[in-house]
N, C-alpha and C. Protein backbone atom coordinates (compact mmCIF):
# COMPACT_ATOMS: atom_id res chain seq x y z
N UNK A 1 191.99 16.27 58.56
CA UNK A 1 193.13 17.42 58.90
C UNK A 1 192.52 19.04 59.65
N UNK A 2 193.20 19.56 60.87
CA UNK A 2 192.77 20.10 61.62
C UNK A 2 193.27 21.37 60.84
N UNK A 3 192.14 22.24 60.98
CA UNK A 3 193.08 24.11 60.73
C UNK A 3 193.13 24.58 62.06
N UNK A 4 194.20 25.70 61.88
CA UNK A 4 194.53 26.00 63.25
C UNK A 4 194.45 27.38 63.07
N UNK A 5 193.18 27.80 64.63
CA UNK A 5 193.09 29.53 64.12
C UNK A 5 193.73 30.28 64.58
N UNK A 6 193.81 31.45 64.05
CA UNK A 6 194.64 32.16 63.92
C UNK A 6 193.89 33.31 64.90
N UNK A 7 195.11 33.66 65.97
CA UNK A 7 194.44 35.09 67.10
C UNK A 7 194.07 36.29 65.92
N UNK A 8 193.08 36.78 66.47
CA UNK A 8 193.11 38.12 66.32
C UNK A 8 193.64 38.64 66.92
N UNK A 9 193.58 40.02 65.83
CA UNK A 9 193.99 41.71 66.41
C UNK A 9 192.58 42.33 67.11
N UNK A 10 192.45 42.75 68.42
CA UNK A 10 191.60 43.71 68.66
C UNK A 10 192.27 45.38 68.15
N UNK A 11 191.46 45.38 67.13
CA UNK A 11 191.17 47.43 66.49
C UNK A 11 190.70 47.64 67.63
N UNK A 12 191.14 48.99 67.93
CA UNK A 12 190.54 50.25 69.06
C UNK A 12 189.48 51.23 68.09
N UNK A 13 188.59 51.45 68.84
CA UNK A 13 187.79 52.36 68.19
C UNK A 13 187.64 53.42 69.08
N UNK A 14 187.96 54.57 68.43
CA UNK A 14 187.96 55.96 68.79
C UNK A 14 187.01 56.10 70.12
N UNK A 15 186.02 55.55 70.25
CA UNK A 15 185.34 55.32 71.63
C UNK A 15 186.09 54.91 73.01
N UNK A 16 186.24 53.89 72.07
CA UNK A 16 187.40 53.00 73.55
C UNK A 16 188.40 53.78 74.00
N UNK A 17 189.51 54.13 72.86
CA UNK A 17 190.53 54.79 73.25
C UNK A 17 190.09 56.17 74.15
N UNK A 18 189.03 56.99 73.72
CA UNK A 18 188.63 57.95 74.81
C UNK A 18 188.72 57.70 76.21
N UNK A 19 187.91 56.26 76.08
CA UNK A 19 187.85 55.76 77.49
C UNK A 19 189.07 55.38 78.25
N UNK A 20 190.08 54.91 77.60
CA UNK A 20 191.16 54.41 77.90
C UNK A 20 192.00 55.53 78.46
N UNK A 21 191.83 56.69 77.74
CA UNK A 21 192.48 57.89 77.82
C UNK A 21 192.06 58.47 79.30
N UNK A 22 190.44 58.32 79.69
CA UNK A 22 189.98 58.83 80.51
C UNK A 22 190.31 57.91 81.58
N UNK A 23 190.55 56.67 81.59
CA UNK A 23 191.31 55.96 82.85
C UNK A 23 192.26 56.32 83.26
N UNK A 24 193.40 57.35 82.81
CA UNK A 24 194.82 57.02 82.86
C UNK A 24 195.70 56.50 82.35
N UNK A 25 195.33 55.76 81.37
CA UNK A 25 195.87 54.44 80.98
C UNK A 25 197.26 54.99 80.14
N UNK A 26 197.05 56.42 79.45
CA UNK A 26 198.26 56.94 78.49
C UNK A 26 198.74 58.10 79.46
N UNK A 27 198.76 58.14 80.75
CA UNK A 27 199.42 59.01 81.78
C UNK A 27 200.92 59.48 81.82
N UNK A 28 201.27 60.53 80.92
CA UNK A 28 203.17 60.86 80.97
C UNK A 28 203.17 60.03 79.25
N UNK A 29 202.44 59.97 78.43
CA UNK A 29 202.78 59.02 77.12
C UNK A 29 201.88 60.08 75.93
N UNK A 30 202.60 60.27 74.88
CA UNK A 30 202.01 60.63 73.66
C UNK A 30 201.54 59.79 73.15
N UNK A 31 200.59 59.40 72.79
CA UNK A 31 200.14 58.54 71.93
C UNK A 31 198.87 58.83 70.53
N UNK A 32 198.32 58.16 69.23
CA UNK A 32 197.87 58.65 68.71
C UNK A 32 197.30 57.30 68.15
N UNK A 33 195.68 57.47 67.73
CA UNK A 33 194.96 56.37 67.14
C UNK A 33 195.26 56.05 65.73
N UNK A 34 195.90 55.26 65.23
CA UNK A 34 196.35 54.67 63.63
C UNK A 34 195.41 53.66 63.22
N UNK A 35 194.45 53.29 62.69
CA UNK A 35 193.99 52.03 61.92
C UNK A 35 193.33 51.31 63.07
N UNK A 36 192.95 51.35 64.48
CA UNK A 36 192.53 50.99 65.52
C UNK A 36 193.84 50.52 66.45
N UNK A 37 195.33 50.83 65.92
CA UNK A 37 196.09 50.58 67.06
C UNK A 37 196.71 51.99 67.97
N UNK A 38 196.84 51.65 68.71
CA UNK A 38 197.50 53.18 69.54
C UNK A 38 198.93 52.81 69.52
N UNK A 39 199.57 54.16 69.00
CA UNK A 39 200.84 54.20 68.80
C UNK A 39 201.44 55.25 69.50
N UNK A 40 202.88 54.51 70.65
CA UNK A 40 203.54 55.38 70.78
C UNK A 40 204.30 56.72 70.13
N UNK A 41 204.34 57.91 70.22
CA UNK A 41 205.06 58.99 69.29
C UNK A 41 205.87 58.83 69.94
N UNK A 42 207.27 59.11 69.23
CA UNK A 42 208.20 59.71 69.12
C UNK A 42 208.56 60.87 70.49
N UNK A 43 209.54 60.92 71.45
CA UNK A 43 210.03 62.12 72.10
C UNK A 43 210.64 63.05 71.04
N UNK A 44 210.36 64.34 71.05
CA UNK A 44 210.01 65.32 70.44
C UNK A 44 211.62 66.27 70.92
N UNK A 45 212.65 66.32 69.50
CA UNK A 45 213.79 67.00 69.80
C UNK A 45 213.37 68.92 69.30
N UNK A 46 214.43 69.40 70.08
CA UNK A 46 214.36 70.62 69.44
C UNK A 46 214.07 71.34 68.33
N UNK A 47 215.33 70.61 67.29
CA UNK A 47 214.66 70.82 65.83
C UNK A 47 212.83 70.98 65.50
N UNK A 48 212.94 69.56 65.71
CA UNK A 48 211.06 68.67 65.20
C UNK A 48 210.57 70.32 65.89
N UNK A 49 210.67 70.32 66.95
CA UNK A 49 209.13 71.64 67.98
C UNK A 49 209.82 72.79 67.11
N UNK A 50 211.17 73.30 66.84
CA UNK A 50 211.37 74.29 66.11
C UNK A 50 210.53 74.52 64.66
N UNK A 51 210.82 73.10 63.85
CA UNK A 51 210.14 73.64 62.67
C UNK A 51 208.97 73.09 62.78
N UNK A 52 208.27 72.56 63.68
CA UNK A 52 206.76 72.43 63.70
C UNK A 52 206.13 74.10 64.09
N UNK A 53 206.88 75.35 64.96
CA UNK A 53 206.30 76.54 64.71
C UNK A 53 206.49 76.98 63.92
N UNK A 54 207.70 77.04 63.15
CA UNK A 54 208.02 77.44 61.60
C UNK A 54 206.80 77.23 60.92
N UNK A 55 206.39 76.19 60.48
CA UNK A 55 205.53 75.66 59.47
C UNK A 55 204.45 76.26 60.13
N UNK A 56 203.72 76.36 61.30
CA UNK A 56 202.84 77.07 61.63
C UNK A 56 202.66 78.36 61.59
N UNK A 57 203.36 79.27 61.62
CA UNK A 57 204.23 80.55 61.64
C UNK A 57 203.98 81.01 59.64
N UNK A 58 204.75 79.89 58.94
CA UNK A 58 204.59 80.14 57.88
C UNK A 58 202.92 79.97 56.70
N UNK A 59 202.55 79.21 57.49
CA UNK A 59 201.04 78.73 56.86
C UNK A 59 200.24 79.58 57.70
N UNK A 60 200.09 80.59 58.87
CA UNK A 60 199.40 81.53 58.98
C UNK A 60 199.79 82.95 58.55
N UNK A 61 200.57 82.87 57.90
CA UNK A 61 200.92 83.96 56.42
C UNK A 61 200.21 83.70 55.30
N UNK A 62 199.81 82.08 54.80
CA UNK A 62 199.60 82.15 53.53
C UNK A 62 197.76 81.85 53.54
N UNK A 63 197.26 81.51 54.72
CA UNK A 63 196.15 81.04 54.73
C UNK A 63 195.17 82.27 55.52
N UNK A 64 194.29 82.77 55.08
CA UNK A 64 193.67 83.88 55.92
C UNK A 64 192.34 83.07 56.34
N UNK A 65 191.62 84.32 56.53
CA UNK A 65 190.40 83.79 57.23
C UNK A 65 189.68 82.43 56.19
N UNK A 66 189.16 81.75 57.62
CA UNK A 66 187.83 80.68 57.06
C UNK A 66 188.70 79.18 57.05
N UNK A 67 190.26 79.56 58.02
CA UNK A 67 190.94 78.11 57.53
C UNK A 67 191.58 78.46 59.53
N UNK A 68 191.86 77.42 59.70
CA UNK A 68 192.25 77.19 61.16
C UNK A 68 193.43 76.20 61.14
N UNK A 69 194.76 77.18 61.30
CA UNK A 69 196.13 76.08 61.68
C UNK A 69 196.24 75.57 63.08
N UNK A 70 196.37 74.21 63.09
CA UNK A 70 196.03 73.32 64.75
C UNK A 70 197.94 72.78 64.02
N UNK A 71 198.18 72.68 65.66
CA UNK A 71 199.33 71.87 65.54
C UNK A 71 199.62 71.05 66.79
N UNK A 72 199.31 69.24 66.24
CA UNK A 72 199.36 68.05 67.28
C UNK A 72 198.07 68.18 67.90
N UNK A 73 197.13 68.40 67.21
CA UNK A 73 195.98 68.07 68.32
C UNK A 73 195.17 67.26 67.00
N UNK A 74 193.96 66.19 67.04
CA UNK A 74 193.59 65.08 66.64
C UNK A 74 192.62 65.60 65.57
N UNK A 75 192.71 64.42 64.61
CA UNK A 75 191.95 64.77 63.43
C UNK A 75 191.17 63.47 63.17
N UNK A 76 189.70 63.49 63.19
CA UNK A 76 189.14 62.62 63.39
C UNK A 76 188.70 61.67 61.73
N UNK A 77 189.43 60.77 61.41
CA UNK A 77 189.81 59.98 60.05
C UNK A 77 188.52 59.19 59.47
N UNK A 78 188.44 58.19 60.86
CA UNK A 78 187.42 57.26 60.86
C UNK A 78 187.14 56.88 62.40
N UNK A 79 186.38 56.10 62.50
CA UNK A 79 185.90 55.32 63.87
C UNK A 79 186.97 54.56 64.14
N UNK A 80 188.06 54.33 64.09
CA UNK A 80 189.48 53.91 64.31
C UNK A 80 190.91 54.53 63.96
N UNK A 81 190.51 56.09 63.49
CA UNK A 81 191.83 56.67 63.51
C UNK A 81 191.87 58.09 63.80
N UNK A 82 192.37 58.21 64.90
CA UNK A 82 192.49 60.06 65.30
C UNK A 82 194.33 60.29 65.38
N UNK A 83 194.51 60.17 64.25
CA UNK A 83 196.15 60.62 64.23
C UNK A 83 196.17 62.46 64.66
N UNK A 84 197.13 62.70 65.06
CA UNK A 84 197.12 63.76 65.68
C UNK A 84 198.67 64.65 64.94
N UNK A 85 198.50 65.25 63.82
CA UNK A 85 199.36 65.24 62.49
C UNK A 85 200.01 66.59 62.87
N UNK A 86 201.44 67.13 62.75
CA UNK A 86 202.50 67.75 63.42
C UNK A 86 201.23 69.55 63.37
N UNK A 87 201.25 69.29 61.69
CA UNK A 87 200.63 70.44 61.27
C UNK A 87 199.62 69.93 60.86
N UNK A 88 198.48 71.11 60.87
CA UNK A 88 196.96 70.00 59.94
C UNK A 88 196.40 71.90 59.75
N UNK A 89 196.01 72.13 58.47
CA UNK A 89 195.09 72.73 57.85
C UNK A 89 193.36 73.19 58.05
N UNK A 90 193.10 73.15 58.75
CA UNK A 90 191.54 72.50 58.54
C UNK A 90 190.54 73.98 58.08
N UNK A 91 189.10 73.66 57.78
CA UNK A 91 188.08 74.71 57.55
C UNK A 91 187.78 75.32 58.40
N UNK A 92 187.39 76.47 58.48
CA UNK A 92 186.59 77.28 59.30
C UNK A 92 187.29 77.96 61.06
N UNK A 93 186.90 77.80 61.65
CA UNK A 93 187.91 78.88 62.98
C UNK A 93 187.96 77.84 63.80
N UNK A 94 188.53 78.22 65.19
CA UNK A 94 188.66 77.47 66.27
C UNK A 94 187.64 76.94 67.24
N UNK A 95 186.50 78.19 67.13
CA UNK A 95 185.46 77.49 67.71
C UNK A 95 184.27 77.06 66.93
N UNK A 96 184.68 76.57 65.49
CA UNK A 96 184.05 75.56 64.88
C UNK A 96 184.15 74.06 65.63
N UNK A 97 185.37 74.21 66.13
CA UNK A 97 185.61 72.55 66.79
C UNK A 97 185.53 72.70 68.44
N UNK A 98 184.76 73.24 68.87
CA UNK A 98 184.67 73.06 70.48
C UNK A 98 183.90 71.72 70.97
N UNK A 99 183.19 71.99 69.95
CA UNK A 99 182.32 70.43 70.22
C UNK A 99 182.96 68.97 69.99
N UNK A 100 183.74 68.88 68.97
CA UNK A 100 184.40 67.92 68.13
C UNK A 100 185.67 68.25 67.11
N UNK A 101 186.44 67.41 67.25
CA UNK A 101 187.39 67.61 66.49
C UNK A 101 187.36 67.57 64.87
N UNK A 102 188.02 68.22 64.42
CA UNK A 102 187.70 68.14 62.46
C UNK A 102 187.97 66.68 61.93
N UNK A 103 187.02 66.90 60.86
CA UNK A 103 187.41 65.16 59.83
C UNK A 103 188.08 65.43 59.07
N UNK A 104 188.53 66.66 58.61
CA UNK A 104 188.98 66.68 57.11
C UNK A 104 189.97 67.80 57.33
N UNK A 105 191.15 67.67 56.21
CA UNK A 105 191.90 69.19 56.20
C UNK A 105 192.14 69.12 55.13
N UNK A 106 192.52 70.60 54.85
CA UNK A 106 193.00 70.57 53.41
C UNK A 106 194.57 70.41 52.84
N UNK A 107 195.41 70.40 54.09
CA UNK A 107 196.95 70.30 54.21
C UNK A 107 197.51 70.12 55.46
N UNK A 108 197.88 68.64 55.22
CA UNK A 108 198.85 68.20 56.64
C UNK A 108 200.01 68.40 56.22
N UNK A 109 200.80 68.36 56.94
CA UNK A 109 202.41 68.62 57.48
C UNK A 109 203.26 67.67 58.80
N UNK A 110 203.77 66.68 58.41
CA UNK A 110 204.54 66.29 59.11
C UNK A 110 205.89 66.43 59.00
N UNK A 111 206.35 66.86 60.12
CA UNK A 111 207.88 67.12 60.52
C UNK A 111 208.27 65.63 60.54
N UNK A 112 209.90 65.17 59.73
CA UNK A 112 210.27 64.17 60.12
C UNK A 112 211.88 64.09 60.08
N UNK A 113 212.10 63.33 61.29
CA UNK A 113 213.71 63.11 61.54
C UNK A 113 213.41 61.74 61.85
N UNK A 114 213.65 61.32 62.87
CA UNK A 114 213.92 59.82 63.22
C UNK A 114 212.07 58.99 62.44
N UNK A 115 211.50 59.73 62.39
CA UNK A 115 209.85 59.04 61.92
C UNK A 115 210.13 59.26 60.58
N UNK A 116 210.66 59.57 59.64
CA UNK A 116 210.52 59.73 57.99
C UNK A 116 209.69 58.50 57.76
N UNK A 117 210.60 57.18 57.67
CA UNK A 117 209.81 56.16 56.87
C UNK A 117 208.39 55.82 57.35
N UNK A 118 208.22 55.68 58.85
CA UNK A 118 206.62 55.91 59.36
C UNK A 118 205.53 57.30 58.62
N UNK A 119 206.42 58.27 58.59
CA UNK A 119 205.55 59.31 57.76
C UNK A 119 204.93 59.27 56.65
N UNK A 120 206.12 58.66 55.54
CA UNK A 120 206.23 58.02 54.30
C UNK A 120 204.75 57.19 53.65
N UNK A 121 205.07 56.00 54.63
CA UNK A 121 204.79 54.65 54.52
C UNK A 121 202.95 55.01 55.00
N UNK A 122 203.19 55.13 56.46
CA UNK A 122 202.22 55.18 57.32
C UNK A 122 201.11 55.88 56.91
N UNK A 123 201.34 56.87 57.43
CA UNK A 123 200.86 58.33 57.60
C UNK A 123 200.57 58.70 56.22
N UNK A 124 201.43 58.42 55.46
CA UNK A 124 200.99 58.48 53.58
C UNK A 124 199.81 58.18 53.67
N UNK A 125 200.03 56.74 53.96
CA UNK A 125 199.02 55.89 53.43
C UNK A 125 197.42 56.31 54.24
N UNK A 126 197.65 56.70 55.53
CA UNK A 126 196.54 56.81 56.43
C UNK A 126 195.48 58.10 55.68
N UNK A 127 196.39 59.42 55.17
CA UNK A 127 196.31 60.48 55.09
C UNK A 127 195.32 60.13 53.05
N UNK A 128 196.03 59.61 52.74
CA UNK A 128 195.50 59.71 51.16
C UNK A 128 194.07 58.44 51.51
N UNK A 129 194.45 57.60 52.45
CA UNK A 129 192.83 56.95 52.29
C UNK A 129 192.06 57.57 52.57
N UNK A 130 191.99 58.83 53.32
CA UNK A 130 191.19 59.71 54.23
C UNK A 130 190.91 60.90 53.33
N UNK A 131 191.54 61.07 51.83
CA UNK A 131 191.12 61.76 51.07
C UNK A 131 192.06 63.30 51.01
N UNK A 132 192.87 63.39 52.12
CA UNK A 132 193.69 64.38 52.22
C UNK A 132 194.25 64.61 50.68
N UNK A 133 194.40 65.95 50.02
CA UNK A 133 194.79 65.95 48.55
C UNK A 133 196.18 66.60 48.60
N UNK A 134 196.97 67.09 49.87
CA UNK A 134 198.07 68.14 49.99
C UNK A 134 198.57 67.61 51.46
N UNK A 135 199.70 66.73 51.31
CA UNK A 135 200.48 66.23 52.62
C UNK A 135 201.88 66.54 51.87
N UNK A 136 202.46 67.23 53.36
CA UNK A 136 203.86 67.59 53.09
C UNK A 136 204.45 66.69 53.89
N UNK A 137 205.46 66.95 53.79
CA UNK A 137 206.77 65.91 54.72
C UNK A 137 207.93 66.84 54.58
N UNK A 138 208.30 67.28 56.01
CA UNK A 138 209.30 68.22 56.04
C UNK A 138 210.28 67.51 56.52
N UNK A 139 211.21 66.98 55.79
CA UNK A 139 212.47 65.76 55.88
C UNK A 139 213.59 66.72 56.06
N UNK A 140 213.66 66.85 58.25
CA UNK A 140 214.83 67.72 58.40
C UNK A 140 216.51 66.52 58.19
N UNK A 141 216.33 66.00 58.40
CA UNK A 141 217.64 64.63 57.34
C UNK A 141 218.09 65.44 56.34
N UNK A 142 217.45 65.28 55.33
CA UNK A 142 218.13 65.67 53.87
C UNK A 142 217.57 67.47 53.92
N UNK A 143 216.96 67.87 54.62
CA UNK A 143 216.71 69.72 54.78
C UNK A 143 215.80 69.66 53.42
N UNK A 144 214.66 68.99 52.97
CA UNK A 144 213.61 69.09 51.96
C UNK A 144 212.43 69.09 52.13
N UNK A 145 211.26 69.36 51.67
CA UNK A 145 210.41 69.24 51.95
C UNK A 145 209.59 68.58 50.48
N UNK A 146 208.66 67.70 51.14
CA UNK A 146 208.23 66.39 50.47
C UNK A 146 207.02 66.57 50.02
N UNK A 147 206.47 66.81 48.82
CA UNK A 147 205.45 67.61 48.79
C UNK A 147 204.35 65.98 48.10
N UNK A 148 203.20 65.53 48.84
CA UNK A 148 202.41 64.83 48.44
C UNK A 148 201.08 64.80 47.98
N UNK A 149 200.94 64.47 46.32
CA UNK A 149 199.48 65.04 45.88
C UNK A 149 198.70 63.74 45.66
N UNK A 150 197.40 63.80 44.94
CA UNK A 150 196.55 62.96 43.95
C UNK A 150 196.76 61.61 45.12
N UNK A 151 195.80 61.42 45.90
CA UNK A 151 195.58 60.10 46.61
C UNK A 151 194.79 59.15 45.69
N UNK A 152 195.59 57.98 45.51
CA UNK A 152 195.13 56.95 44.28
C UNK A 152 194.65 55.61 45.43
N UNK A 153 193.87 54.46 44.70
CA UNK A 153 194.13 53.30 45.69
C UNK A 153 194.92 52.56 45.10
N UNK A 154 195.73 51.89 45.71
CA UNK A 154 197.15 51.07 45.74
C UNK A 154 196.95 49.76 46.91
N UNK A 155 196.62 48.97 46.27
CA UNK A 155 196.53 47.24 46.96
C UNK A 155 197.83 47.20 47.90
N UNK A 156 199.01 47.91 47.18
CA UNK A 156 200.56 47.46 47.65
C UNK A 156 200.31 48.21 49.32
N UNK A 157 199.88 49.36 49.36
CA UNK A 157 200.29 50.76 49.88
C UNK A 157 199.38 49.53 51.58
N UNK A 158 200.14 50.77 52.54
CA UNK A 158 199.56 49.78 54.14
C UNK A 158 198.25 49.90 54.05
N UNK A 159 197.84 50.75 54.29
CA UNK A 159 196.37 50.91 53.83
C UNK A 159 195.15 51.12 52.56
N UNK A 160 195.64 50.73 51.93
CA UNK A 160 195.56 50.27 50.34
C UNK A 160 195.34 51.67 49.62
N UNK A 161 196.19 52.93 50.00
CA UNK A 161 196.00 54.14 49.44
C UNK A 161 197.58 54.49 49.76
N UNK A 162 197.84 55.37 48.15
CA UNK A 162 198.78 56.07 48.20
C UNK A 162 199.21 57.30 47.63
N UNK A 163 200.01 58.32 47.53
CA UNK A 163 199.95 59.33 46.69
C UNK A 163 200.57 59.07 45.27
N UNK A 164 200.13 59.34 44.29
CA UNK A 164 200.48 59.09 43.10
C UNK A 164 201.61 59.90 42.27
N UNK A 165 201.59 61.36 43.44
CA UNK A 165 202.39 62.41 42.94
C UNK A 165 203.05 62.92 44.40
N UNK A 166 204.56 62.79 44.05
CA UNK A 166 204.98 63.01 45.28
C UNK A 166 206.79 64.21 44.31
N UNK A 167 206.79 64.98 45.01
CA UNK A 167 207.76 66.48 44.48
C UNK A 167 208.76 66.65 45.44
N UNK A 168 209.79 66.35 45.26
CA UNK A 168 211.08 67.40 46.35
C UNK A 168 211.27 68.53 46.24
N UNK A 169 210.98 69.22 47.03
CA UNK A 169 211.37 70.74 47.02
C UNK A 169 212.39 71.07 48.22
N UNK A 170 213.51 72.04 47.55
CA UNK A 170 214.90 72.01 48.36
C UNK A 170 214.72 73.39 48.61
N UNK A 171 215.70 73.87 49.49
CA UNK A 171 215.79 75.12 49.94
C UNK A 171 216.35 76.01 49.32
N UNK A 172 215.08 77.04 48.83
CA UNK A 172 215.60 78.00 47.85
C UNK A 172 214.49 78.20 47.03
N UNK A 173 214.00 76.83 46.77
CA UNK A 173 212.33 76.78 46.14
C UNK A 173 211.05 77.01 46.76
N UNK A 174 210.16 76.89 46.27
CA UNK A 174 208.33 77.54 46.57
C UNK A 174 207.67 76.60 46.19
N UNK A 175 206.86 76.65 47.09
CA UNK A 175 205.49 75.89 46.59
C UNK A 175 204.35 76.08 47.19
N UNK A 176 203.48 76.25 46.35
CA UNK A 176 202.02 76.84 46.62
C UNK A 176 201.13 75.51 47.13
N UNK A 177 200.39 75.58 48.51
CA UNK A 177 199.36 75.16 48.65
C UNK A 177 198.20 74.55 48.06
N UNK A 178 197.47 73.81 47.55
CA UNK A 178 196.93 73.68 47.07
C UNK A 178 195.51 74.47 47.02
N UNK A 179 195.06 74.25 48.60
CA UNK A 179 193.80 75.16 48.85
C UNK A 179 194.29 76.82 48.73
N UNK A 180 195.55 77.19 48.52
CA UNK A 180 195.61 78.92 48.82
C UNK A 180 196.62 78.72 47.36
N UNK A 181 196.40 78.28 46.15
CA UNK A 181 196.83 78.56 45.01
C UNK A 181 197.07 80.42 45.04
N UNK A 182 198.48 79.79 44.08
CA UNK A 182 199.33 81.60 44.05
C UNK A 182 199.86 81.96 44.58
N UNK A 183 199.67 81.59 46.07
CA UNK A 183 200.56 82.00 47.13
C UNK A 183 202.05 80.85 47.69
N UNK A 184 202.49 81.49 47.79
CA UNK A 184 203.68 80.74 47.95
C UNK A 184 204.44 80.41 49.07
N UNK A 185 204.64 79.45 49.98
CA UNK A 185 205.37 79.33 50.68
C UNK A 185 207.29 78.85 50.28
N UNK A 186 208.29 79.70 50.95
CA UNK A 186 209.73 79.02 50.85
C UNK A 186 209.96 78.13 51.48
N UNK A 187 210.66 77.03 51.16
CA UNK A 187 211.16 75.97 51.79
C UNK A 187 212.48 76.34 52.76
N UNK A 188 212.98 77.29 53.04
CA UNK A 188 213.83 77.71 53.95
C UNK A 188 213.38 78.22 55.24
N UNK A 189 212.20 78.37 54.66
CA UNK A 189 211.03 79.48 56.10
C UNK A 189 210.81 78.29 57.15
N UNK A 190 210.54 76.72 56.52
CA UNK A 190 210.21 75.75 57.62
C UNK A 190 211.33 75.04 57.90
N UNK A 191 212.38 75.46 57.51
CA UNK A 191 213.68 74.52 58.31
C UNK A 191 214.30 75.27 59.29
N UNK A 192 214.27 74.83 60.47
CA UNK A 192 215.21 75.19 61.83
C UNK A 192 216.80 75.61 61.32
């Protein structure tokens, strides 16, 4: 009996990904590197863009000195993952990242309209695997905030990790980021 060789999928490293960008392969496209795959990011409609700005504004009021709020900038999770979360709260200041992107975040927020399933399953598993303790999905369709916490190993999850806790918050409700305990964010302040 002969065995059939299965084709291998090439997983790109961050170094290869950056080299491709330097060569102009992504010219005019929004992409990110997720577990070795170069992912095209969806076009951003106005409500999505406004929500990112509202999240940024709300989190700047919550997090003071010692934290930097980044919008759609790379976060180095591993040698094969460099996603660009809609909003990431990272330790330190802007100048701390002049030479290299951050490798951790105390809070990540993804704004979801057409990307809801992707943000829940792919991004959720990726961020849980990276040990991000506080992951929020601002669901523009249902107009609610999904707060995911407690990363746990799970063989059924896309990348072997998921969040053990998921709580829904509606307009009128408030949530406190884990890294800013006792300071509250009102859900409707995040929604366009």
